[in-house]
């Protein structure tokens, strides 16, 4: 009578193959999620910049709008849902503004990004 089943060697080979595939796939997955968070941060900065341009067209000044001004929708963090990855800040004067997205923690993806009124975007 023959015994049916798998030997310990066969099971260990399968575990090793799964381990190698996981070692390759996980860092790649982390890279994709970082790219997504960076893209969301850039999108949030551009939404804020568009709001500042709308504010400028109403009064010809970039001076920081009041909380009642619904034309400017600048979130404080990005993404606005879930765990924040970037802190967004807005500094403005009469003729210009700068939006900065700084990583929340050292384990956040990317580095500090800035967007200015003239459309200059800097990222690491």
C-alpha atoms as a PDB file:
ATOM      1  CA  UNK A   1       0.000   0.000   0.000  1.00  0.00           C
ATOM      2  CA  UNK A   2       1.357   3.414  -1.023  1.00  0.00           C
ATOM      3  CA  UNK A   3       1.095   6.409   1.261  1.00  0.00           C
ATOM      4  CA  UNK A   4      -0.442   9.520  -0.301  1.00  0.00           C
ATOM      5  CA  UNK A   5       0.603  13.068   0.519  1.00  0.00           C
ATOM      6  CA  UNK A   6       3.567  15.393   0.368  1.00  0.00           C
ATOM      7  CA  UNK A   7       6.977  14.952   1.879  1.00  0.00           C
ATOM      8  CA  UNK A   8       8.554  17.539   4.114  1.00  0.00           C
ATOM      9  CA  UNK A   9      11.087  18.369   1.383  1.00  0.00           C
ATOM     10  CA  UNK A  10       8.321  19.144  -1.118  1.00  0.00           C
ATOM     11  CA  UNK A  11       6.560  21.414   1.376  1.00  0.00           C
ATOM     12  CA  UNK A  12       9.810  23.239   2.179  1.00  0.00           C
ATOM     13  CA  UNK A  13      10.456  23.836  -1.541  1.00  0.00           C
ATOM     14  CA  UNK A  14       6.996  25.390  -1.881  1.00  0.00           C
ATOM     15  CA  UNK A  15       7.585  27.595   1.189  1.00  0.00           C
ATOM     16  CA  UNK A  16      10.950  28.716  -0.250  1.00  0.00           C
ATOM     17  CA  UNK A  17       9.380  29.595  -3.605  1.00  0.00           C
ATOM     18  CA  UNK A  18       6.640  31.617  -1.883  1.00  0.00           C
ATOM     19  CA  UNK A  19       9.300  33.385   0.205  1.00  0.00           C
ATOM     20  CA  UNK A  20      11.308  34.384  -2.875  1.00  0.00           C
ATOM     21  CA  UNK A  21       8.214  35.664  -4.679  1.00  0.00           C
ATOM     22  CA  UNK A  22       7.181  37.648  -1.581  1.00  0.00           C
ATOM     23  CA  UNK A  23      10.657  39.154  -1.214  1.00  0.00           C
ATOM     24  CA  UNK A  24      10.384  40.506  -4.752  1.00  0.00           C
ATOM     25  CA  UNK A  25       6.723  41.555  -4.702  1.00  0.00           C
ATOM     26  CA  UNK A  26       6.488  43.425  -1.372  1.00  0.00           C
ATOM     27  CA  UNK A  27       9.064  46.177  -2.091  1.00  0.00           C
ATOM     28  CA  UNK A  28       7.486  46.663  -5.488  1.00  0.00           C
ATOM     29  CA  UNK A  29       4.070  47.053  -3.840  1.00  0.00           C
ATOM     30  CA  UNK A  30       5.504  49.624  -1.406  1.00  0.00           C
ATOM     31  CA  UNK A  31       6.893  51.583  -4.353  1.00  0.00           C
ATOM     32  CA  UNK A  32       3.478  51.695  -6.004  1.00  0.00           C
ATOM     33  CA  UNK A  33       1.762  52.885  -2.833  1.00  0.00           C
ATOM     34  CA  UNK A  34       4.414  55.595  -2.335  1.00  0.00           C
ATOM     35  CA  UNK A  35       3.888  56.794  -5.901  1.00  0.00           C
ATOM     36  CA  UNK A  36       0.158  56.980  -5.205  1.00  0.00           C
ATOM     37  CA  UNK A  37       0.592  59.034  -2.023  1.00  0.00           C
ATOM     38  CA  UNK A  38       3.013  61.412  -3.756  1.00  0.00           C
ATOM     39  CA  UNK A  39       0.566  61.812  -6.639  1.00  0.00           C
ATOM     40  CA  UNK A  40      -2.242  62.573  -4.189  1.00  0.00           C
ATOM     41  CA  UNK A  41      -0.057  65.158  -2.445  1.00  0.00           C
ATOM     42  CA  UNK A  42       0.694  66.889  -5.750  1.00  0.00           C
ATOM     43  CA  UNK A  43      -3.003  66.851  -6.669  1.00  0.00           C
ATOM     44  CA  UNK A  44      -3.968  68.399  -3.313  1.00  0.00           C
ATOM     45  CA  UNK A  45      -1.332  71.111  -3.797  1.00  0.00           C
ATOM     46  CA  UNK A  46      -2.696  71.911  -7.263  1.00  0.00           C
ATOM     47  CA  UNK A  47      -6.279  72.104  -5.949  1.00  0.00           C
ATOM     48  CA  UNK A  48      -5.093  74.610  -3.358  1.00  0.00           C
ATOM     49  CA  UNK A  49      -3.211  76.585  -6.045  1.00  0.00           C
ATOM     50  CA  UNK A  50      -6.334  76.747  -8.209  1.00  0.00           C
ATOM     51  CA  UNK A  51      -8.278  78.049  -5.228  1.00  0.00           C
ATOM     52  CA  UNK A  52      -5.642  80.708  -4.641  1.00  0.00           C
ATOM     53  CA  UNK A  53      -5.870  81.772  -8.289  1.00  0.00           C
ATOM     54  CA  UNK A  54      -9.667  82.077  -7.951  1.00  0.00           C
ATOM     55  CA  UNK A  55      -9.139  84.154  -4.803  1.00  0.00           C
ATOM     56  CA  UNK A  56      -6.646  86.364  -6.665  1.00  0.00           C
ATOM     57  CA  UNK A  57      -9.095  86.948  -9.514  1.00  0.00           C
ATOM     58  CA  UNK A  58     -11.649  88.297  -6.999  1.00  0.00           C
ATOM     59  CA  UNK A  59      -9.400  90.793  -5.208  1.00  0.00           C
ATOM     60  CA  UNK A  60      -6.062  90.884  -7.099  1.00  0.00           C
ATOM     61  CA  UNK A  61      -4.165  89.758  -4.028  1.00  0.00           C
ATOM     62  CA  UNK A  62      -2.906  86.417  -2.730  1.00  0.00           C
ATOM     63  CA  UNK A  63      -3.171  87.500   0.901  1.00  0.00           C
ATOM     64  CA  UNK A  64      -4.360  84.460   2.815  1.00  0.00           C
ATOM     65  CA  UNK A  65      -8.131  84.280   2.515  1.00  0.00           C
ATOM     66  CA  UNK A  66     -10.412  84.049   5.506  1.00  0.00           C
ATOM     67  CA  UNK A  67     -11.997  80.802   6.620  1.00  0.00           C
ATOM     68  CA  UNK A  68     -15.293  81.963   5.078  1.00  0.00           C
ATOM     69  CA  UNK A  69     -13.777  82.148   1.583  1.00  0.00           C
ATOM     70  CA  UNK A  70     -15.086  79.016  -0.097  1.00  0.00           C
ATOM     71  CA  UNK A  71     -13.085  79.633  -3.284  1.00  0.00           C
ATOM     72  CA  UNK A  72      -9.935  78.342  -1.580  1.00  0.00           C
ATOM     73  CA  UNK A  73     -10.046  74.735  -0.449  1.00  0.00           C
ATOM     74  CA  UNK A  74      -6.584  73.999   0.954  1.00  0.00           C
ATOM     75  CA  UNK A  75      -6.492  70.843   3.051  1.00  0.00           C
ATOM     76  CA  UNK A  76      -4.118  70.673   6.011  1.00  0.00           C
ATOM     77  CA  UNK A  77      -3.012  67.116   5.261  1.00  0.00           C
ATOM     78  CA  UNK A  78      -2.794  64.822   2.278  1.00  0.00           C
ATOM     79  CA  UNK A  79      -4.556  62.503   1.766  1.00  0.00           C
ATOM     80  CA  UNK A  80      -7.606  63.949   3.476  1.00  0.00           C
ATOM     81  CA  UNK A  81      -8.981  60.451   4.174  1.00  0.00           C
ATOM     82  CA  UNK A  82      -7.037  57.834   6.124  1.00  0.00           C
ATOM     83  CA  UNK A  83      -3.556  58.185   7.566  1.00  0.00           C
ATOM     84  CA  UNK A  84      -1.938  61.483   6.519  1.00  0.00           C
ATOM     85  CA  UNK A  85       1.341  61.245   4.611  1.00  0.00           C
ATOM     86  CA  UNK A  86       2.006  64.968   3.994  1.00  0.00           C
ATOM     87  CA  UNK A  87       1.378  68.144   5.996  1.00  0.00           C
ATOM     88  CA  UNK A  88       0.307  70.944   3.649  1.00  0.00           C
ATOM     89  CA  UNK A  89       1.054  74.576   4.437  1.00  0.00           C
ATOM     90  CA  UNK A  90       0.264  77.784   2.569  1.00  0.00           C
ATOM     91  CA  UNK A  91       2.286  80.989   2.816  1.00  0.00           C
ATOM     92  CA  UNK A  92       1.026  83.956   0.814  1.00  0.00           C
ATOM     93  CA  UNK A  93       1.643  87.640   0.271  1.00  0.00           C
ATOM     94  CA  UNK A  94      -0.024  90.206  -1.975  1.00  0.00           C
ATOM     95  CA  UNK A  95       1.843  89.049  -5.090  1.00  0.00           C
ATOM     96  CA  UNK A  96       2.778  85.407  -4.569  1.00  0.00           C
ATOM     97  CA  UNK A  97       2.128  82.216  -2.635  1.00  0.00           C
ATOM     98  CA  UNK A  98       3.984  79.018  -1.813  1.00  0.00           C
ATOM     99  CA  UNK A  99       2.364  75.701  -0.979  1.00  0.00           C
ATOM    100  CA  UNK A 100       4.580  73.182   0.811  1.00  0.00           C
ATOM    101  CA  UNK A 101       3.922  69.485   1.357  1.00  0.00           C
ATOM    102  CA  UNK A 102       6.225  68.036   4.037  1.00  0.00           C
ATOM    103  CA  UNK A 103       6.269  64.341   4.983  1.00  0.00           C
ATOM    104  CA  UNK A 104       4.432  63.651   8.234  1.00  0.00           C
ATOM    105  CA  UNK A 105       7.021  61.167   9.487  1.00  0.00           C
ATOM    106  CA  UNK A 106      10.396  59.930   8.340  1.00  0.00           C
ATOM    107  CA  UNK A 107       8.705  56.730   7.177  1.00  0.00           C
ATOM    108  CA  UNK A 108       6.373  58.687   4.880  1.00  0.00           C
ATOM    109  CA  UNK A 109       7.071  58.449   1.189  1.00  0.00           C
ATOM    110  CA  UNK A 110       9.048  61.101  -0.621  1.00  0.00           C
ATOM    111  CA  UNK A 111      10.425  64.394   0.602  1.00  0.00           C
ATOM    112  CA  UNK A 112       9.272  67.989   0.860  1.00  0.00           C
ATOM    113  CA  UNK A 113       7.538  69.332  -2.248  1.00  0.00           C
ATOM    114  CA  UNK A 114       6.763  72.984  -3.051  1.00  0.00           C
ATOM    115  CA  UNK A 115       4.513  74.727  -5.553  1.00  0.00           C
ATOM    116  CA  UNK A 116       4.669  78.474  -6.132  1.00  0.00           C
ATOM    117  CA  UNK A 117       2.308  81.001  -7.712  1.00  0.00           C
ATOM    118  CA  UNK A 118       4.275  81.020 -10.975  1.00  0.00           C
ATOM    119  CA  UNK A 119       3.783  77.246 -11.308  1.00  0.00           C
ATOM    120  CA  UNK A 120       7.298  76.238 -10.274  1.00  0.00           C
ATOM    121  CA  UNK A 121       7.153  72.784  -8.708  1.00  0.00           C
ATOM    122  CA  UNK A 122      10.077  71.270  -6.807  1.00  0.00           C
ATOM    123  CA  UNK A 123      10.318  67.740  -5.490  1.00  0.00           C
ATOM    124  CA  UNK A 124      13.280  65.646  -4.328  1.00  0.00           C
END
